[in-house]
Each structure stands twice: as C-alpha cells, then as structure tokens.
Amino acid sequence: MISILNFVELENRVVAATYRNLMVKAKVVLIDEASGAQLADPVVTITSRMPVGAVRMRLPETVRPGTYFLMALNSRGDVVAKSCAFEVA
C-alpha cells in the first residue's frame, strides 16, 4: 500500500494537507529542510480509519521562517510519506 501526503496550503500559520493510505496511529510531523531536524511541535496523530483524509496543524511561534516539509511516520517510526517543501515567512 502506497501512502501519500500532499501539502495543500499555509495560511495564518496553519498548514493544511491531505493524505491517502496512512495507518491509524501514524504521525505527521514538521521537518526543517535545511537541517533535516524534526520539530517537536506540532505533531498530528492519524485517528481515522478512512483511507483518505486531511490534517491541519497550527505552527507555534517557535517555528522560525524557513523551508519545511511534512513527513508521515508509521507507528514504528518508519517514514511512509513526505510532502513537497513549503516556505514559512
């Protein structure tokens, strides 16, 4: 099963994305593209058993301007999907 994570938009420090085939308990995290570091916050956990869905995550003020992308991790912490990069101003 191929999992997909699509960045949709960033507006007012809220990131919207859609996903397909993410397992329950998968986590969507924010990654700093420059350093490759995972940010501790925000983290969204998938709770829906539906194969298609959407996530919204509010970026805390601690997220600095830069280039980021979303990454989906399964319950074991393995990368299962990645979004395109986007800019936070």
N, C-alpha and C. Protein backbone atom coordinates (compact mmCIF):
# COMPACT_ATOMS: atom_id res chain seq x y z
N MET A 1 0.84 -1.16 0.00
CA MET A 1 0.00 0.00 0.00
C MET A 1 0.89 1.24 0.00
N ILE A 2 0.68 2.12 -0.94
CA ILE A 2 1.48 3.34 -1.07
C ILE A 2 0.78 4.47 -0.33
N SER A 3 1.47 5.11 0.58
CA SER A 3 0.93 6.25 1.34
C SER A 3 1.35 7.54 0.67
N ILE A 4 0.45 8.53 0.72
CA ILE A 4 0.71 9.83 0.09
C ILE A 4 0.36 10.93 1.07
N LEU A 5 1.18 11.98 1.09
CA LEU A 5 0.96 13.15 1.94
C LEU A 5 1.16 14.38 1.06
N ASN A 6 0.09 15.15 0.82
CA ASN A 6 0.14 16.31 -0.07
C ASN A 6 -0.05 17.60 0.70
N PHE A 7 0.93 18.49 0.62
CA PHE A 7 0.79 19.83 1.17
C PHE A 7 -0.26 20.56 0.35
N VAL A 8 -1.21 21.23 1.01
CA VAL A 8 -2.26 21.98 0.30
C VAL A 8 -2.01 23.47 0.41
N GLU A 9 -1.89 23.99 1.65
CA GLU A 9 -1.67 25.42 1.79
C GLU A 9 -1.15 25.75 3.18
N LEU A 10 -0.58 26.95 3.28
CA LEU A 10 -0.16 27.53 4.55
C LEU A 10 -0.80 28.91 4.61
N GLU A 11 -1.70 29.11 5.58
CA GLU A 11 -2.38 30.39 5.72
C GLU A 11 -2.53 30.69 7.20
N ASN A 12 -2.09 31.88 7.60
CA ASN A 12 -2.17 32.31 9.00
C ASN A 12 -1.52 31.30 9.96
N ARG A 13 -0.38 30.77 9.54
CA ARG A 13 0.41 29.81 10.32
C ARG A 13 -0.33 28.50 10.59
N VAL A 14 -1.28 28.15 9.71
CA VAL A 14 -1.96 26.86 9.76
C VAL A 14 -1.64 26.11 8.47
N VAL A 15 -1.03 24.94 8.62
CA VAL A 15 -0.68 24.10 7.47
C VAL A 15 -1.83 23.12 7.23
N ALA A 16 -2.26 23.04 5.98
CA ALA A 16 -3.30 22.09 5.60
C ALA A 16 -2.68 21.09 4.62
N ALA A 17 -3.02 19.82 4.80
CA ALA A 17 -2.50 18.76 3.93
C ALA A 17 -3.56 17.66 3.81
N THR A 18 -3.47 16.91 2.74
CA THR A 18 -4.34 15.75 2.56
C THR A 18 -3.46 14.51 2.57
N TYR A 19 -4.07 13.38 2.89
CA TYR A 19 -3.30 12.13 2.90
C TYR A 19 -4.14 11.00 2.32
N ARG A 20 -3.45 9.96 1.95
CA ARG A 20 -4.07 8.73 1.44
C ARG A 20 -3.29 7.55 1.98
N ASN A 21 -4.01 6.57 2.49
CA ASN A 21 -3.43 5.30 2.97
C ASN A 21 -2.44 5.45 4.12
N LEU A 22 -2.74 6.33 5.06
CA LEU A 22 -1.94 6.38 6.29
C LEU A 22 -2.65 5.53 7.33
N MET A 23 -1.90 4.74 8.06
CA MET A 23 -2.45 3.85 9.07
C MET A 23 -2.88 4.64 10.31
N VAL A 24 -3.82 4.08 11.05
CA VAL A 24 -4.18 4.65 12.34
C VAL A 24 -2.94 4.65 13.22
N LYS A 25 -2.73 5.69 13.97
CA LYS A 25 -1.57 5.91 14.84
C LYS A 25 -0.34 6.42 14.09
N ALA A 26 -0.45 6.64 12.76
CA ALA A 26 0.65 7.29 12.05
C ALA A 26 0.74 8.73 12.53
N LYS A 27 1.93 9.28 12.51
CA LYS A 27 2.14 10.66 12.95
C LYS A 27 2.62 11.50 11.79
N VAL A 28 2.06 12.71 11.68
CA VAL A 28 2.51 13.68 10.69
C VAL A 28 3.31 14.73 11.45
N VAL A 29 4.56 14.91 11.04
CA VAL A 29 5.47 15.82 11.73
C VAL A 29 6.01 16.86 10.76
N LEU A 30 6.55 17.93 11.32
CA LEU A 30 7.15 19.00 10.53
C LEU A 30 8.66 18.85 10.56
N ILE A 31 9.27 18.95 9.38
CA ILE A 31 10.72 18.78 9.25
C ILE A 31 11.33 20.06 8.68
N ASP A 32 12.40 20.54 9.30
CA ASP A 32 13.16 21.68 8.79
C ASP A 32 14.03 21.17 7.65
N GLU A 33 13.80 21.67 6.44
CA GLU A 33 14.52 21.15 5.28
C GLU A 33 16.02 21.43 5.36
N ALA A 34 16.42 22.59 5.89
CA ALA A 34 17.84 22.95 5.95
C ALA A 34 18.63 22.00 6.84
N SER A 35 18.10 21.67 8.00
CA SER A 35 18.85 20.83 8.94
C SER A 35 18.41 19.37 8.92
N GLY A 36 17.21 19.10 8.39
CA GLY A 36 16.67 17.74 8.41
C GLY A 36 16.11 17.35 9.76
N ALA A 37 16.04 18.32 10.68
CA ALA A 37 15.58 18.04 12.04
C ALA A 37 14.05 18.04 12.12
N GLN A 38 13.54 17.09 12.88
CA GLN A 38 12.10 17.03 13.16
C GLN A 38 11.79 17.99 14.29
N LEU A 39 10.78 18.81 14.12
CA LEU A 39 10.36 19.72 15.18
C LEU A 39 9.49 18.96 16.17
N ALA A 40 9.65 19.25 17.44
CA ALA A 40 8.89 18.56 18.48
C ALA A 40 7.41 18.91 18.44
N ASP A 41 7.10 20.10 17.96
CA ASP A 41 5.72 20.55 17.89
C ASP A 41 5.57 21.33 16.60
N PRO A 42 4.58 21.12 15.81
CA PRO A 42 3.37 20.33 16.00
C PRO A 42 3.53 18.89 15.51
N VAL A 43 2.71 18.01 16.09
CA VAL A 43 2.62 16.62 15.67
C VAL A 43 1.14 16.27 15.62
N VAL A 44 0.71 15.67 14.51
CA VAL A 44 -0.69 15.25 14.38
C VAL A 44 -0.71 13.72 14.27
N THR A 45 -1.54 13.07 15.06
CA THR A 45 -1.69 11.62 15.01
C THR A 45 -2.95 11.27 14.25
N ILE A 46 -2.84 10.37 13.29
CA ILE A 46 -3.99 9.93 12.49
C ILE A 46 -4.86 9.02 13.35
N THR A 47 -6.14 9.35 13.45
CA THR A 47 -7.07 8.56 14.26
C THR A 47 -8.19 7.97 13.42
N SER A 48 -8.32 8.41 12.17
CA SER A 48 -9.40 7.94 11.31
C SER A 48 -9.01 6.66 10.59
N ARG A 49 -9.93 5.75 10.48
CA ARG A 49 -9.69 4.51 9.75
C ARG A 49 -9.97 4.67 8.25
N MET A 50 -10.44 5.87 7.85
CA MET A 50 -10.71 6.13 6.44
C MET A 50 -9.39 6.18 5.67
N PRO A 51 -9.36 5.65 4.45
CA PRO A 51 -8.10 5.64 3.68
C PRO A 51 -7.70 7.02 3.16
N VAL A 52 -8.63 7.98 3.17
CA VAL A 52 -8.36 9.33 2.67
C VAL A 52 -8.77 10.32 3.74
N GLY A 53 -7.97 11.36 3.93
CA GLY A 53 -8.33 12.35 4.93
C GLY A 53 -7.50 13.61 4.80
N ALA A 54 -7.66 14.49 5.77
CA ALA A 54 -6.95 15.76 5.78
C ALA A 54 -6.46 16.05 7.19
N VAL A 55 -5.36 16.79 7.27
CA VAL A 55 -4.83 17.24 8.56
C VAL A 55 -4.60 18.74 8.49
N ARG A 56 -4.74 19.37 9.64
CA ARG A 56 -4.43 20.79 9.81
C ARG A 56 -3.59 20.91 11.06
N MET A 57 -2.50 21.64 10.95
CA MET A 57 -1.65 21.85 12.12
C MET A 57 -1.28 23.32 12.23
N ARG A 58 -1.48 23.85 13.42
CA ARG A 58 -1.11 25.24 13.69
C ARG A 58 0.36 25.28 14.09
N LEU A 59 1.10 26.17 13.43
CA LEU A 59 2.52 26.32 13.73
C LEU A 59 2.70 27.22 14.94
N PRO A 60 3.41 26.75 15.95
CA PRO A 60 3.67 27.61 17.12
C PRO A 60 4.62 28.74 16.74
N GLU A 61 4.67 29.75 17.57
CA GLU A 61 5.54 30.90 17.30
C GLU A 61 7.01 30.51 17.29
N THR A 62 7.36 29.36 17.86
CA THR A 62 8.75 28.92 17.89
C THR A 62 9.25 28.45 16.53
N VAL A 63 8.33 28.23 15.57
CA VAL A 63 8.73 27.82 14.22
C VAL A 63 9.21 29.07 13.48
N ARG A 64 10.48 29.09 13.16
CA ARG A 64 11.10 30.25 12.52
C ARG A 64 10.86 30.23 11.02
N PRO A 65 11.01 31.39 10.36
CA PRO A 65 10.91 31.42 8.90
C PRO A 65 11.92 30.48 8.26
N GLY A 66 11.51 29.82 7.20
CA GLY A 66 12.40 28.89 6.51
C GLY A 66 11.61 27.95 5.63
N THR A 67 12.29 26.93 5.14
CA THR A 67 11.68 25.93 4.28
C THR A 67 11.46 24.66 5.09
N TYR A 68 10.25 24.12 5.00
CA TYR A 68 9.84 22.95 5.76
C TYR A 68 9.11 21.97 4.85
N PHE A 69 8.93 20.75 5.34
CA PHE A 69 8.05 19.79 4.68
C PHE A 69 7.42 18.91 5.74
N LEU A 70 6.35 18.23 5.37
CA LEU A 70 5.67 17.32 6.28
C LEU A 70 6.14 15.90 6.01
N MET A 71 6.22 15.11 7.07
CA MET A 71 6.61 13.71 6.93
C MET A 71 5.65 12.86 7.75
N ALA A 72 5.23 11.73 7.19
CA ALA A 72 4.37 10.80 7.91
C ALA A 72 5.20 9.62 8.36
N LEU A 73 5.05 9.28 9.64
CA LEU A 73 5.78 8.16 10.24
C LEU A 73 4.76 7.12 10.71
N ASN A 74 5.04 5.86 10.44
CA ASN A 74 4.12 4.82 10.93
C ASN A 74 4.33 4.62 12.43
N SER A 75 3.60 3.70 13.03
CA SER A 75 3.67 3.50 14.48
C SER A 75 5.05 3.04 14.96
N ARG A 76 5.87 2.51 14.06
CA ARG A 76 7.23 2.09 14.42
C ARG A 76 8.25 3.21 14.21
N GLY A 77 7.80 4.35 13.63
CA GLY A 77 8.70 5.47 13.38
C GLY A 77 9.34 5.46 12.02
N ASP A 78 8.92 4.54 11.13
CA ASP A 78 9.46 4.50 9.77
C ASP A 78 8.76 5.55 8.90
N VAL A 79 9.51 6.18 8.01
CA VAL A 79 8.94 7.17 7.09
C VAL A 79 8.09 6.44 6.05
N VAL A 80 6.83 6.89 5.91
CA VAL A 80 5.94 6.26 4.93
C VAL A 80 5.49 7.24 3.84
N ALA A 81 5.61 8.55 4.09
CA ALA A 81 5.23 9.54 3.08
C ALA A 81 5.88 10.88 3.43
N LYS A 82 6.01 11.72 2.41
CA LYS A 82 6.65 13.02 2.57
C LYS A 82 5.96 14.00 1.63
N SER A 83 5.76 15.23 2.07
CA SER A 83 5.14 16.25 1.22
C SER A 83 6.23 17.03 0.48
N CYS A 84 5.79 17.90 -0.40
CA CYS A 84 6.72 18.83 -1.05
C CYS A 84 7.11 19.90 -0.03
N ALA A 85 8.16 20.64 -0.31
CA ALA A 85 8.63 21.67 0.59
C ALA A 85 7.77 22.93 0.44
N PHE A 86 7.68 23.71 1.53
CA PHE A 86 6.94 24.96 1.51
C PHE A 86 7.67 25.97 2.41
N GLU A 87 7.41 27.24 2.17
CA GLU A 87 8.07 28.32 2.88
C GLU A 87 7.20 28.86 4.01
N VAL A 88 7.81 29.06 5.17
CA VAL A 88 7.17 29.72 6.30
C VAL A 88 7.85 31.09 6.41
N ALA A 89 7.04 32.14 6.37
CA ALA A 89 7.60 33.50 6.45
C ALA A 89 7.60 34.02 7.86
